[in-house]
Amino acid sequence: MLLREGLAGLLHRFGFEVVATAGDAVALRKAVAEHAPDLVLTDIRMPPDYTDEGLRAAVELRRADPGLAVVALSQYVELSYASDLLDSGDGRGVGYLLKDRVVDVEEFVATLRQVADGGTVVDPQVVRQLLRRQRDPLSRLSAREREVLGLIAEGHSNTAIARLLVVSEATVGKHVGSILAKLDLPPDDDTSRRVLAVLAYLRSGSGR
């Protein structure tokens, strides 16, 4: 709340018209639908979970309106949706900034105006991590999916993995499906795709 109100006051001082503020992703979507703003400035983390709700909302808003300018503020690089946000709307009118690297108010305001005018501004640290992710396909996987893939590489069946992780076999099946989809493996028979997934795991060095 303090950050939100502080930013609203800052933007007012620099001549922006702040038509609405929002405390969570649901309120953000409603505010955009009601006011049709030229620019959305959102935090990555929002209630109720304080993970990536703001970033996911930003991606959805851009999908619905690719011309909507969006600047996302984050304490860290959230790769799961960062590339989706930057790819939306042909990459125009979008920004991704790390909070602790925003050190000059006038430069920050200039960045907002640049994005509102259709420009793209991305923190260099975000760019580096996205490039690293492109080189390592396993970086798309969650920690649990990596764990499941490691057990597949050890030769365990879904039933055995379910027993080891103390989850249902259906849950393991969902993880496996997600792994195969994220690794962009061809829709061949499941056995072949599992082998290809294991090869990707070994090539990444995770099996050492």
N, C-alpha and C. Protein backbone atom coordinates (compact mmCIF):
# COMPACT_ATOMS: atom_id res chain seq x y z
N MET A 1 0.83 -1.19 0.00
CA MET A 1 0.00 0.00 0.00
C MET A 1 0.87 1.25 0.00
N LEU A 2 1.95 1.26 0.80
CA LEU A 2 2.83 2.42 0.86
C LEU A 2 3.50 2.66 -0.48
N LEU A 3 3.98 1.59 -1.11
CA LEU A 3 4.61 1.72 -2.43
C LEU A 3 3.60 2.24 -3.44
N ARG A 4 2.39 1.69 -3.42
CA ARG A 4 1.37 2.09 -4.37
C ARG A 4 1.02 3.57 -4.25
N GLU A 5 0.77 4.02 -3.01
CA GLU A 5 0.41 5.41 -2.79
C GLU A 5 1.59 6.34 -3.06
N GLY A 6 2.79 5.86 -2.74
CA GLY A 6 3.98 6.67 -3.02
C GLY A 6 4.18 6.88 -4.50
N LEU A 7 3.99 5.83 -5.28
CA LEU A 7 4.12 5.95 -6.73
C LEU A 7 3.04 6.85 -7.32
N ALA A 8 1.82 6.73 -6.80
CA ALA A 8 0.73 7.58 -7.29
C ALA A 8 1.06 9.05 -7.05
N GLY A 9 1.57 9.37 -5.85
CA GLY A 9 1.95 10.75 -5.55
C GLY A 9 3.09 11.23 -6.43
N LEU A 10 4.06 10.37 -6.66
CA LEU A 10 5.19 10.71 -7.53
C LEU A 10 4.72 11.02 -8.94
N LEU A 11 3.84 10.18 -9.47
CA LEU A 11 3.37 10.37 -10.84
C LEU A 11 2.54 11.64 -10.96
N HIS A 12 1.75 11.94 -9.94
CA HIS A 12 0.99 13.20 -9.94
C HIS A 12 1.94 14.39 -10.06
N ARG A 13 3.04 14.35 -9.31
CA ARG A 13 3.98 15.48 -9.30
C ARG A 13 4.62 15.68 -10.66
N PHE A 14 4.73 14.60 -11.44
CA PHE A 14 5.37 14.70 -12.75
C PHE A 14 4.36 14.83 -13.88
N GLY A 15 3.10 15.14 -13.53
CA GLY A 15 2.12 15.46 -14.56
C GLY A 15 1.30 14.31 -15.09
N PHE A 16 1.43 13.11 -14.49
CA PHE A 16 0.60 11.98 -14.90
C PHE A 16 -0.78 12.10 -14.25
N GLU A 17 -1.79 11.66 -14.95
CA GLU A 17 -3.13 11.54 -14.36
C GLU A 17 -3.33 10.09 -13.93
N VAL A 18 -3.36 9.87 -12.63
CA VAL A 18 -3.55 8.52 -12.09
C VAL A 18 -5.05 8.29 -11.96
N VAL A 19 -5.61 7.47 -12.83
CA VAL A 19 -7.07 7.28 -12.85
C VAL A 19 -7.53 6.25 -11.84
N ALA A 20 -6.62 5.37 -11.39
CA ALA A 20 -7.01 4.35 -10.42
C ALA A 20 -5.78 3.69 -9.82
N THR A 21 -5.92 3.16 -8.61
CA THR A 21 -4.90 2.30 -8.02
C THR A 21 -5.59 1.00 -7.64
N ALA A 22 -4.81 -0.08 -7.55
CA ALA A 22 -5.38 -1.41 -7.28
C ALA A 22 -4.49 -2.17 -6.31
N GLY A 23 -5.13 -2.86 -5.37
CA GLY A 23 -4.38 -3.60 -4.37
C GLY A 23 -4.16 -5.06 -4.69
N ASP A 24 -4.83 -5.57 -5.72
CA ASP A 24 -4.63 -6.96 -6.12
C ASP A 24 -4.92 -7.10 -7.61
N ALA A 25 -4.67 -8.28 -8.14
CA ALA A 25 -4.79 -8.50 -9.58
C ALA A 25 -6.24 -8.38 -10.06
N VAL A 26 -7.18 -8.81 -9.24
CA VAL A 26 -8.59 -8.70 -9.62
C VAL A 26 -8.98 -7.24 -9.75
N ALA A 27 -8.59 -6.43 -8.77
CA ALA A 27 -8.90 -5.00 -8.82
C ALA A 27 -8.18 -4.33 -9.99
N LEU A 28 -6.99 -4.81 -10.32
CA LEU A 28 -6.26 -4.25 -11.45
C LEU A 28 -7.01 -4.48 -12.75
N ARG A 29 -7.47 -5.70 -12.96
CA ARG A 29 -8.22 -6.01 -14.19
C ARG A 29 -9.50 -5.16 -14.28
N LYS A 30 -10.20 -5.02 -13.14
CA LYS A 30 -11.43 -4.22 -13.13
C LYS A 30 -11.14 -2.76 -13.43
N ALA A 31 -10.05 -2.23 -12.88
CA ALA A 31 -9.70 -0.83 -13.09
C ALA A 31 -9.36 -0.57 -14.55
N VAL A 32 -8.65 -1.49 -15.18
CA VAL A 32 -8.30 -1.34 -16.59
C VAL A 32 -9.56 -1.39 -17.45
N ALA A 33 -10.46 -2.31 -17.14
CA ALA A 33 -11.71 -2.41 -17.90
C ALA A 33 -12.55 -1.15 -17.76
N GLU A 34 -12.53 -0.56 -16.57
CA GLU A 34 -13.37 0.62 -16.31
C GLU A 34 -12.78 1.90 -16.89
N HIS A 35 -11.45 2.06 -16.78
CA HIS A 35 -10.84 3.35 -17.11
C HIS A 35 -10.09 3.37 -18.45
N ALA A 36 -9.79 2.20 -19.01
CA ALA A 36 -9.04 2.12 -20.28
C ALA A 36 -7.83 3.04 -20.26
N PRO A 37 -6.89 2.83 -19.35
CA PRO A 37 -5.75 3.73 -19.21
C PRO A 37 -4.77 3.62 -20.38
N ASP A 38 -3.90 4.61 -20.51
CA ASP A 38 -2.84 4.58 -21.53
C ASP A 38 -1.66 3.74 -21.05
N LEU A 39 -1.51 3.64 -19.73
CA LEU A 39 -0.35 2.94 -19.16
C LEU A 39 -0.75 2.26 -17.87
N VAL A 40 -0.28 1.03 -17.68
CA VAL A 40 -0.45 0.30 -16.43
C VAL A 40 0.93 0.10 -15.80
N LEU A 41 1.06 0.49 -14.54
CA LEU A 41 2.28 0.25 -13.77
C LEU A 41 1.94 -0.73 -12.68
N THR A 42 2.52 -1.91 -12.71
CA THR A 42 2.14 -2.96 -11.76
C THR A 42 3.34 -3.61 -11.10
N ASP A 43 3.14 -4.02 -9.88
CA ASP A 43 4.13 -4.84 -9.19
C ASP A 43 3.95 -6.27 -9.66
N ILE A 44 5.03 -7.04 -9.64
CA ILE A 44 4.93 -8.46 -9.99
C ILE A 44 4.13 -9.20 -8.92
N ARG A 45 4.45 -8.93 -7.67
CA ARG A 45 3.82 -9.64 -6.56
C ARG A 45 2.57 -8.90 -6.10
N MET A 46 1.48 -9.63 -5.97
CA MET A 46 0.23 -9.06 -5.48
C MET A 46 -0.49 -10.08 -4.61
N PRO A 47 -1.40 -9.62 -3.76
CA PRO A 47 -2.20 -10.57 -2.97
C PRO A 47 -3.01 -11.47 -3.90
N PRO A 48 -3.37 -12.69 -3.47
CA PRO A 48 -3.22 -13.16 -2.08
C PRO A 48 -1.92 -13.90 -1.82
N ASP A 49 -1.24 -14.37 -2.85
CA ASP A 49 -0.06 -15.23 -2.63
C ASP A 49 1.26 -14.48 -2.70
N TYR A 50 1.24 -13.27 -3.23
CA TYR A 50 2.48 -12.47 -3.37
C TYR A 50 3.56 -13.24 -4.12
N THR A 51 3.17 -13.85 -5.24
CA THR A 51 4.16 -14.53 -6.09
C THR A 51 4.26 -13.78 -7.41
N ASP A 52 3.43 -14.16 -8.39
CA ASP A 52 3.53 -13.51 -9.70
C ASP A 52 2.17 -13.05 -10.22
N GLU A 53 1.23 -12.79 -9.29
CA GLU A 53 -0.13 -12.43 -9.70
C GLU A 53 -0.17 -11.19 -10.59
N GLY A 54 0.63 -10.17 -10.24
CA GLY A 54 0.64 -8.94 -11.03
C GLY A 54 1.18 -9.15 -12.42
N LEU A 55 2.20 -9.98 -12.54
CA LEU A 55 2.79 -10.25 -13.85
C LEU A 55 1.82 -11.05 -14.72
N ARG A 56 1.15 -12.04 -14.13
CA ARG A 56 0.17 -12.82 -14.88
C ARG A 56 -0.99 -11.94 -15.35
N ALA A 57 -1.42 -11.03 -14.47
CA ALA A 57 -2.48 -10.11 -14.86
C ALA A 57 -2.03 -9.21 -16.00
N ALA A 58 -0.79 -8.76 -15.96
CA ALA A 58 -0.26 -7.90 -17.02
C ALA A 58 -0.25 -8.64 -18.36
N VAL A 59 0.16 -9.91 -18.34
CA VAL A 59 0.17 -10.71 -19.56
C VAL A 59 -1.24 -10.85 -20.12
N GLU A 60 -2.20 -11.12 -19.24
CA GLU A 60 -3.60 -11.26 -19.68
C GLU A 60 -4.13 -9.96 -20.26
N LEU A 61 -3.80 -8.84 -19.62
CA LEU A 61 -4.26 -7.54 -20.11
C LEU A 61 -3.68 -7.23 -21.48
N ARG A 62 -2.43 -7.59 -21.68
CA ARG A 62 -1.78 -7.33 -22.98
C ARG A 62 -2.34 -8.26 -24.06
N ARG A 63 -2.70 -9.46 -23.68
CA ARG A 63 -3.30 -10.37 -24.66
C ARG A 63 -4.66 -9.84 -25.12
N ALA A 64 -5.40 -9.28 -24.16
CA ALA A 64 -6.71 -8.73 -24.49
C ALA A 64 -6.59 -7.43 -25.27
N ASP A 65 -5.55 -6.65 -24.97
CA ASP A 65 -5.34 -5.36 -25.63
C ASP A 65 -3.85 -5.16 -25.86
N PRO A 66 -3.31 -5.65 -26.98
CA PRO A 66 -1.87 -5.55 -27.24
C PRO A 66 -1.36 -4.11 -27.27
N GLY A 67 -2.25 -3.14 -27.44
CA GLY A 67 -1.82 -1.74 -27.47
C GLY A 67 -1.70 -1.11 -26.10
N LEU A 68 -2.08 -1.83 -25.04
CA LEU A 68 -2.01 -1.30 -23.68
C LEU A 68 -0.55 -1.31 -23.22
N ALA A 69 -0.03 -0.14 -22.87
CA ALA A 69 1.35 -0.05 -22.38
C ALA A 69 1.41 -0.53 -20.94
N VAL A 70 2.41 -1.37 -20.63
CA VAL A 70 2.53 -1.96 -19.29
C VAL A 70 3.99 -1.89 -18.84
N VAL A 71 4.19 -1.44 -17.61
CA VAL A 71 5.51 -1.50 -16.98
C VAL A 71 5.37 -2.35 -15.72
N ALA A 72 6.18 -3.40 -15.63
CA ALA A 72 6.15 -4.29 -14.47
C ALA A 72 7.36 -4.00 -13.59
N LEU A 73 7.13 -3.88 -12.30
CA LEU A 73 8.19 -3.68 -11.32
C LEU A 73 8.37 -4.96 -10.51
N SER A 74 9.61 -5.34 -10.28
CA SER A 74 9.85 -6.59 -9.58
C SER A 74 11.07 -6.51 -8.70
N GLN A 75 11.05 -7.29 -7.63
CA GLN A 75 12.23 -7.42 -6.77
C GLN A 75 13.19 -8.45 -7.33
N TYR A 76 12.73 -9.25 -8.27
CA TYR A 76 13.53 -10.34 -8.84
C TYR A 76 13.05 -10.59 -10.26
N VAL A 77 13.78 -11.44 -10.99
CA VAL A 77 13.39 -11.78 -12.35
C VAL A 77 12.51 -13.01 -12.31
N GLU A 78 11.25 -12.87 -12.69
CA GLU A 78 10.30 -13.98 -12.76
C GLU A 78 10.23 -14.44 -14.21
N LEU A 79 10.95 -15.54 -14.52
CA LEU A 79 11.08 -15.96 -15.91
C LEU A 79 9.82 -16.60 -16.48
N SER A 80 8.97 -17.15 -15.60
CA SER A 80 7.82 -17.91 -16.10
C SER A 80 6.94 -17.09 -17.03
N TYR A 81 6.72 -15.82 -16.67
CA TYR A 81 5.83 -14.99 -17.49
C TYR A 81 6.52 -13.78 -18.10
N ALA A 82 7.78 -13.52 -17.73
CA ALA A 82 8.48 -12.34 -18.24
C ALA A 82 8.56 -12.38 -19.76
N SER A 83 8.94 -13.53 -20.32
CA SER A 83 9.05 -13.62 -21.77
C SER A 83 7.70 -13.46 -22.44
N ASP A 84 6.62 -13.97 -21.80
CA ASP A 84 5.28 -13.81 -22.36
C ASP A 84 4.90 -12.34 -22.41
N LEU A 85 5.24 -11.59 -21.36
CA LEU A 85 4.93 -10.17 -21.33
C LEU A 85 5.71 -9.43 -22.41
N LEU A 86 6.99 -9.73 -22.53
CA LEU A 86 7.83 -9.03 -23.50
C LEU A 86 7.49 -9.40 -24.93
N ASP A 87 6.93 -10.58 -25.14
CA ASP A 87 6.54 -11.00 -26.49
C ASP A 87 5.19 -10.44 -26.91
N SER A 88 4.41 -9.98 -25.95
CA SER A 88 3.05 -9.52 -26.27
C SER A 88 3.08 -8.19 -27.01
N GLY A 89 2.07 -7.99 -27.86
CA GLY A 89 1.97 -6.73 -28.58
C GLY A 89 3.17 -6.41 -29.44
N ASP A 90 3.80 -7.44 -30.03
CA ASP A 90 5.01 -7.25 -30.84
C ASP A 90 6.14 -6.62 -30.06
N GLY A 91 6.10 -6.74 -28.72
CA GLY A 91 7.19 -6.22 -27.89
C GLY A 91 7.18 -4.72 -27.73
N ARG A 92 6.15 -4.05 -28.20
CA ARG A 92 6.09 -2.59 -28.10
C ARG A 92 5.26 -2.17 -26.87
N GLY A 93 5.65 -1.03 -26.28
CA GLY A 93 4.88 -0.51 -25.16
C GLY A 93 4.94 -1.38 -23.94
N VAL A 94 6.13 -1.86 -23.60
CA VAL A 94 6.26 -2.75 -22.44
C VAL A 94 7.59 -2.48 -21.73
N GLY A 95 7.57 -2.61 -20.42
CA GLY A 95 8.78 -2.44 -19.63
C GLY A 95 8.84 -3.44 -18.50
N TYR A 96 10.06 -3.85 -18.13
CA TYR A 96 10.26 -4.76 -17.01
C TYR A 96 11.46 -4.23 -16.24
N LEU A 97 11.22 -3.70 -15.05
CA LEU A 97 12.26 -3.04 -14.26
C LEU A 97 12.42 -3.73 -12.91
N LEU A 98 13.66 -3.84 -12.46
CA LEU A 98 13.95 -4.36 -11.13
C LEU A 98 14.00 -3.19 -10.15
N LYS A 99 13.26 -3.31 -9.06
CA LYS A 99 13.08 -2.20 -8.13
C LYS A 99 14.41 -1.66 -7.59
N ASP A 100 15.30 -2.56 -7.18
CA ASP A 100 16.52 -2.09 -6.54
C ASP A 100 17.50 -1.45 -7.52
N ARG A 101 17.17 -1.48 -8.82
CA ARG A 101 18.03 -0.84 -9.82
C ARG A 101 17.42 0.47 -10.33
N VAL A 102 16.25 0.83 -9.78
CA VAL A 102 15.64 2.12 -10.10
C VAL A 102 16.16 3.12 -9.07
N VAL A 103 17.12 3.94 -9.47
CA VAL A 103 17.80 4.81 -8.50
C VAL A 103 17.63 6.30 -8.83
N ASP A 104 17.07 6.62 -9.99
CA ASP A 104 16.91 8.01 -10.40
C ASP A 104 15.44 8.25 -10.77
N VAL A 105 14.78 9.15 -10.04
CA VAL A 105 13.36 9.39 -10.24
C VAL A 105 13.07 9.91 -11.64
N GLU A 106 13.84 10.88 -12.10
CA GLU A 106 13.58 11.46 -13.41
C GLU A 106 13.79 10.44 -14.52
N GLU A 107 14.79 9.60 -14.35
CA GLU A 107 15.03 8.54 -15.34
C GLU A 107 13.87 7.54 -15.34
N PHE A 108 13.35 7.22 -14.16
CA PHE A 108 12.22 6.31 -14.04
C PHE A 108 10.99 6.90 -14.74
N VAL A 109 10.71 8.16 -14.49
CA VAL A 109 9.57 8.82 -15.12
C VAL A 109 9.75 8.85 -16.63
N ALA A 110 10.98 9.11 -17.09
CA ALA A 110 11.24 9.13 -18.53
C ALA A 110 11.00 7.75 -19.14
N THR A 111 11.33 6.70 -18.38
CA THR A 111 11.08 5.33 -18.84
C THR A 111 9.59 5.08 -19.01
N LEU A 112 8.79 5.55 -18.04
CA LEU A 112 7.34 5.37 -18.14
C LEU A 112 6.79 6.08 -19.37
N ARG A 113 7.27 7.28 -19.63
CA ARG A 113 6.79 8.02 -20.81
C ARG A 113 7.21 7.30 -22.09
N GLN A 114 8.42 6.75 -22.08
CA GLN A 114 8.91 6.04 -23.27
C GLN A 114 8.04 4.82 -23.57
N VAL A 115 7.70 4.06 -22.52
CA VAL A 115 6.85 2.88 -22.71
C VAL A 115 5.45 3.30 -23.15
N ALA A 116 4.92 4.35 -22.53
CA ALA A 116 3.59 4.84 -22.90
C ALA A 116 3.54 5.26 -24.37
N ASP A 117 4.68 5.70 -24.91
CA ASP A 117 4.76 6.11 -26.31
C ASP A 117 5.05 4.94 -27.25
N GLY A 118 5.06 3.71 -26.70
CA GLY A 118 5.27 2.54 -27.54
C GLY A 118 6.67 1.96 -27.49
N GLY A 119 7.54 2.51 -26.64
CA GLY A 119 8.90 2.00 -26.52
C GLY A 119 8.97 0.76 -25.65
N THR A 120 10.14 0.15 -25.63
CA THR A 120 10.38 -1.05 -24.82
C THR A 120 11.61 -0.82 -23.96
N VAL A 121 11.48 -1.02 -22.66
CA VAL A 121 12.59 -0.83 -21.73
C VAL A 121 12.66 -2.05 -20.82
N VAL A 122 13.79 -2.75 -20.87
CA VAL A 122 13.97 -3.96 -20.07
C VAL A 122 15.29 -3.87 -19.32
N ASP A 123 15.25 -4.15 -18.04
CA ASP A 123 16.47 -4.14 -17.24
C ASP A 123 17.47 -5.14 -17.81
N PRO A 124 18.75 -4.75 -17.92
CA PRO A 124 19.76 -5.65 -18.49
C PRO A 124 19.85 -7.00 -17.78
N GLN A 125 19.60 -7.01 -16.46
CA GLN A 125 19.64 -8.28 -15.73
C GLN A 125 18.54 -9.22 -16.20
N VAL A 126 17.39 -8.67 -16.54
CA VAL A 126 16.29 -9.48 -17.07
C VAL A 126 16.68 -10.07 -18.41
N VAL A 127 17.30 -9.26 -19.26
CA VAL A 127 17.73 -9.73 -20.58
C VAL A 127 18.72 -10.88 -20.43
N ARG A 128 19.70 -10.72 -19.53
CA ARG A 128 20.71 -11.77 -19.35
C ARG A 128 20.08 -13.08 -18.91
N GLN A 129 19.15 -13.01 -17.97
CA GLN A 129 18.54 -14.25 -17.48
C GLN A 129 17.64 -14.90 -18.53
N LEU A 130 16.96 -14.09 -19.33
CA LEU A 130 16.13 -14.65 -20.40
C LEU A 130 16.99 -15.35 -21.45
N LEU A 131 18.13 -14.75 -21.78
CA LEU A 131 19.04 -15.38 -22.74
C LEU A 131 19.59 -16.68 -22.19
N ARG A 132 19.92 -16.69 -20.90
CA ARG A 132 20.43 -17.91 -20.27
C ARG A 132 19.36 -18.99 -20.29
N ARG A 133 18.11 -18.59 -20.07
CA ARG A 133 17.01 -19.55 -20.09
C ARG A 133 16.86 -20.18 -21.47
N GLN A 134 17.03 -19.37 -22.53
CA GLN A 134 16.89 -19.89 -23.88
C GLN A 134 17.95 -20.95 -24.17
N ARG A 135 19.12 -20.82 -23.55
CA ARG A 135 20.18 -21.81 -23.77
C ARG A 135 19.93 -23.08 -22.99
N ASP A 136 19.19 -22.99 -21.90
CA ASP A 136 18.93 -24.15 -21.04
C ASP A 136 17.43 -24.43 -21.01
N PRO A 137 16.96 -25.40 -21.78
CA PRO A 137 15.52 -25.68 -21.83
C PRO A 137 14.95 -26.10 -20.49
N LEU A 138 15.77 -26.68 -19.61
CA LEU A 138 15.26 -27.13 -18.32
C LEU A 138 14.92 -25.96 -17.40
N SER A 139 15.39 -24.76 -17.72
CA SER A 139 15.09 -23.60 -16.88
C SER A 139 13.61 -23.28 -16.88
N ARG A 140 12.86 -23.82 -17.85
CA ARG A 140 11.41 -23.61 -17.87
C ARG A 140 10.69 -24.43 -16.82
N LEU A 141 11.36 -25.47 -16.33
CA LEU A 141 10.69 -26.40 -15.42
C LEU A 141 10.68 -25.86 -13.99
N SER A 142 9.62 -26.18 -13.27
CA SER A 142 9.55 -25.85 -11.85
C SER A 142 10.48 -26.81 -11.09
N ALA A 143 10.71 -26.49 -9.81
CA ALA A 143 11.57 -27.35 -8.99
C ALA A 143 10.99 -28.76 -8.90
N ARG A 144 9.68 -28.88 -8.75
CA ARG A 144 9.06 -30.20 -8.66
C ARG A 144 9.18 -30.95 -9.98
N GLU A 145 9.02 -30.24 -11.10
CA GLU A 145 9.14 -30.89 -12.41
C GLU A 145 10.56 -31.38 -12.64
N ARG A 146 11.55 -30.62 -12.19
CA ARG A 146 12.94 -31.09 -12.29
C ARG A 146 13.15 -32.36 -11.46
N GLU A 147 12.53 -32.37 -10.28
CA GLU A 147 12.65 -33.54 -9.42
C GLU A 147 12.03 -34.76 -10.08
N VAL A 148 10.85 -34.59 -10.68
CA VAL A 148 10.20 -35.70 -11.37
C VAL A 148 11.04 -36.17 -12.54
N LEU A 149 11.60 -35.22 -13.32
CA LEU A 149 12.42 -35.59 -14.46
C LEU A 149 13.68 -36.34 -14.02
N GLY A 150 14.26 -35.92 -12.90
CA GLY A 150 15.42 -36.63 -12.37
C GLY A 150 15.09 -38.07 -12.03
N LEU A 151 13.90 -38.30 -11.47
CA LEU A 151 13.49 -39.66 -11.13
C LEU A 151 13.20 -40.47 -12.38
N ILE A 152 12.65 -39.82 -13.41
CA ILE A 152 12.45 -40.50 -14.70
C ILE A 152 13.80 -40.94 -15.25
N ALA A 153 14.80 -40.04 -15.15
CA ALA A 153 16.14 -40.35 -15.66
C ALA A 153 16.76 -41.53 -14.92
N GLU A 154 16.35 -41.72 -13.67
CA GLU A 154 16.86 -42.86 -12.88
C GLU A 154 16.13 -44.15 -13.21
N GLY A 155 15.13 -44.05 -14.11
CA GLY A 155 14.44 -45.25 -14.57
C GLY A 155 13.16 -45.56 -13.83
N HIS A 156 12.67 -44.66 -13.00
CA HIS A 156 11.46 -44.92 -12.23
C HIS A 156 10.20 -44.73 -13.09
N SER A 157 9.21 -45.56 -12.86
CA SER A 157 7.92 -45.41 -13.52
C SER A 157 7.11 -44.34 -12.79
N ASN A 158 5.98 -43.94 -13.40
CA ASN A 158 5.12 -42.97 -12.73
C ASN A 158 4.64 -43.48 -11.37
N THR A 159 4.34 -44.78 -11.32
CA THR A 159 3.86 -45.38 -10.06
C THR A 159 4.94 -45.27 -8.98
N ALA A 160 6.18 -45.59 -9.37
CA ALA A 160 7.28 -45.52 -8.40
C ALA A 160 7.55 -44.08 -7.97
N ILE A 161 7.46 -43.15 -8.91
CA ILE A 161 7.68 -41.73 -8.58
C ILE A 161 6.61 -41.24 -7.62
N ALA A 162 5.37 -41.64 -7.86
CA ALA A 162 4.28 -41.25 -6.96
C ALA A 162 4.54 -41.74 -5.55
N ARG A 163 5.04 -42.96 -5.44
CA ARG A 163 5.33 -43.53 -4.12
C ARG A 163 6.48 -42.78 -3.44
N LEU A 164 7.52 -42.44 -4.21
CA LEU A 164 8.68 -41.75 -3.65
C LEU A 164 8.36 -40.33 -3.21
N LEU A 165 7.49 -39.66 -3.96
CA LEU A 165 7.16 -38.27 -3.66
C LEU A 165 5.92 -38.14 -2.78
N VAL A 166 5.29 -39.28 -2.49
CA VAL A 166 4.08 -39.32 -1.67
C VAL A 166 2.99 -38.42 -2.28
N VAL A 167 2.74 -38.65 -3.56
CA VAL A 167 1.65 -37.97 -4.26
C VAL A 167 0.91 -39.01 -5.07
N SER A 168 -0.20 -38.61 -5.69
CA SER A 168 -0.97 -39.56 -6.49
C SER A 168 -0.29 -39.77 -7.85
N GLU A 169 -0.59 -40.91 -8.45
CA GLU A 169 -0.03 -41.18 -9.78
C GLU A 169 -0.58 -40.19 -10.81
N ALA A 170 -1.81 -39.73 -10.61
CA ALA A 170 -2.39 -38.74 -11.52
C ALA A 170 -1.60 -37.43 -11.47
N THR A 171 -1.16 -37.06 -10.26
CA THR A 171 -0.36 -35.84 -10.11
C THR A 171 0.96 -35.98 -10.85
N VAL A 172 1.59 -37.15 -10.72
CA VAL A 172 2.83 -37.39 -11.44
C VAL A 172 2.60 -37.30 -12.95
N GLY A 173 1.47 -37.87 -13.41
CA GLY A 173 1.15 -37.81 -14.83
C GLY A 173 1.03 -36.37 -15.32
N LYS A 174 0.43 -35.51 -14.50
CA LYS A 174 0.30 -34.10 -14.88
C LYS A 174 1.68 -33.44 -14.96
N HIS A 175 2.55 -33.76 -14.00
CA HIS A 175 3.91 -33.20 -14.03
C HIS A 175 4.65 -33.66 -15.28
N VAL A 176 4.52 -34.92 -15.61
CA VAL A 176 5.20 -35.46 -16.80
C VAL A 176 4.68 -34.76 -18.06
N GLY A 177 3.36 -34.61 -18.15
CA GLY A 177 2.80 -33.92 -19.31
C GLY A 177 3.31 -32.49 -19.43
N SER A 178 3.40 -31.81 -18.29
CA SER A 178 3.90 -30.43 -18.28
C SER A 178 5.37 -30.39 -18.70
N ILE A 179 6.16 -31.34 -18.23
CA ILE A 179 7.58 -31.41 -18.59
C ILE A 179 7.73 -31.57 -20.10
N LEU A 180 7.00 -32.51 -20.68
CA LEU A 180 7.11 -32.78 -22.11
C LEU A 180 6.68 -31.57 -22.93
N ALA A 181 5.65 -30.86 -22.45
CA ALA A 181 5.17 -29.67 -23.17
C ALA A 181 6.18 -28.55 -23.09
N LYS A 182 6.75 -28.32 -21.91
CA LYS A 182 7.71 -27.23 -21.73
C LYS A 182 9.01 -27.47 -22.49
N LEU A 183 9.36 -28.73 -22.70
CA LEU A 183 10.58 -29.06 -23.45
C LEU A 183 10.32 -29.09 -24.96
N ASP A 184 9.08 -28.77 -25.36
CA ASP A 184 8.72 -28.71 -26.78
C ASP A 184 9.05 -30.00 -27.52
N LEU A 185 8.77 -31.13 -26.87
CA LEU A 185 9.06 -32.41 -27.49
C LEU A 185 7.95 -32.78 -28.46
N PRO A 186 8.31 -33.42 -29.58
CA PRO A 186 7.31 -33.74 -30.60
C PRO A 186 6.25 -34.70 -30.07
N PRO A 187 5.01 -34.58 -30.56
CA PRO A 187 3.92 -35.44 -30.09
C PRO A 187 4.03 -36.86 -30.61
N ASP A 188 5.09 -37.53 -30.20
CA ASP A 188 5.32 -38.92 -30.59
C ASP A 188 4.75 -39.80 -29.48
N ASP A 189 5.06 -41.09 -29.50
CA ASP A 189 4.57 -41.94 -28.43
C ASP A 189 5.27 -41.55 -27.13
N ASP A 190 4.58 -41.78 -26.01
CA ASP A 190 5.02 -41.30 -24.70
C ASP A 190 6.40 -41.83 -24.32
N THR A 191 6.70 -43.08 -24.67
CA THR A 191 7.98 -43.67 -24.31
C THR A 191 9.13 -42.90 -24.96
N SER A 192 9.01 -42.60 -26.25
CA SER A 192 10.06 -41.87 -26.96
C SER A 192 10.24 -40.48 -26.37
N ARG A 193 9.13 -39.82 -26.02
CA ARG A 193 9.22 -38.47 -25.47
C ARG A 193 9.91 -38.49 -24.11
N ARG A 194 9.66 -39.53 -23.33
CA ARG A 194 10.33 -39.64 -22.03
C ARG A 194 11.83 -39.80 -22.22
N VAL A 195 12.22 -40.56 -23.21
CA VAL A 195 13.66 -40.74 -23.50
C VAL A 195 14.28 -39.41 -23.90
N LEU A 196 13.60 -38.66 -24.77
CA LEU A 196 14.11 -37.36 -25.20
C LEU A 196 14.21 -36.39 -24.02
N ALA A 197 13.24 -36.46 -23.12
CA ALA A 197 13.28 -35.60 -21.93
C ALA A 197 14.49 -35.94 -21.06
N VAL A 198 14.76 -37.22 -20.91
CA VAL A 198 15.91 -37.65 -20.12
C VAL A 198 17.21 -37.18 -20.78
N LEU A 199 17.29 -37.26 -22.11
CA LEU A 199 18.48 -36.79 -22.81
C LEU A 199 18.70 -35.30 -22.58
N ALA A 200 17.62 -34.52 -22.62
CA ALA A 200 17.72 -33.08 -22.35
C ALA A 200 18.21 -32.84 -20.93
N TYR A 201 17.73 -33.66 -20.01
CA TYR A 201 18.14 -33.56 -18.60
C TYR A 201 19.64 -33.83 -18.46
N LEU A 202 20.12 -34.87 -19.12
CA LEU A 202 21.52 -35.24 -19.02
C LEU A 202 22.43 -34.21 -19.70
N ARG A 203 21.97 -33.70 -20.87
CA ARG A 203 22.77 -32.70 -21.58
C ARG A 203 22.93 -31.42 -20.77
N SER A 204 21.94 -31.11 -19.95
CA SER A 204 22.01 -29.87 -19.16
C SER A 204 22.99 -29.98 -18.00
N GLY A 205 23.43 -31.22 -17.73
CA GLY A 205 24.34 -31.41 -16.61
C GLY A 205 23.65 -31.69 -15.29
N SER A 206 22.32 -31.73 -15.29
CA SER A 206 21.58 -31.94 -14.05
C SER A 206 21.76 -33.34 -13.52
N GLY A 207 22.12 -34.27 -14.39
CA GLY A 207 22.26 -35.65 -13.96
C GLY A 207 23.59 -35.97 -13.33
N ARG A 208 24.49 -34.97 -13.30
CA ARG A 208 25.80 -35.25 -12.68
C ARG A 208 25.70 -35.28 -11.18
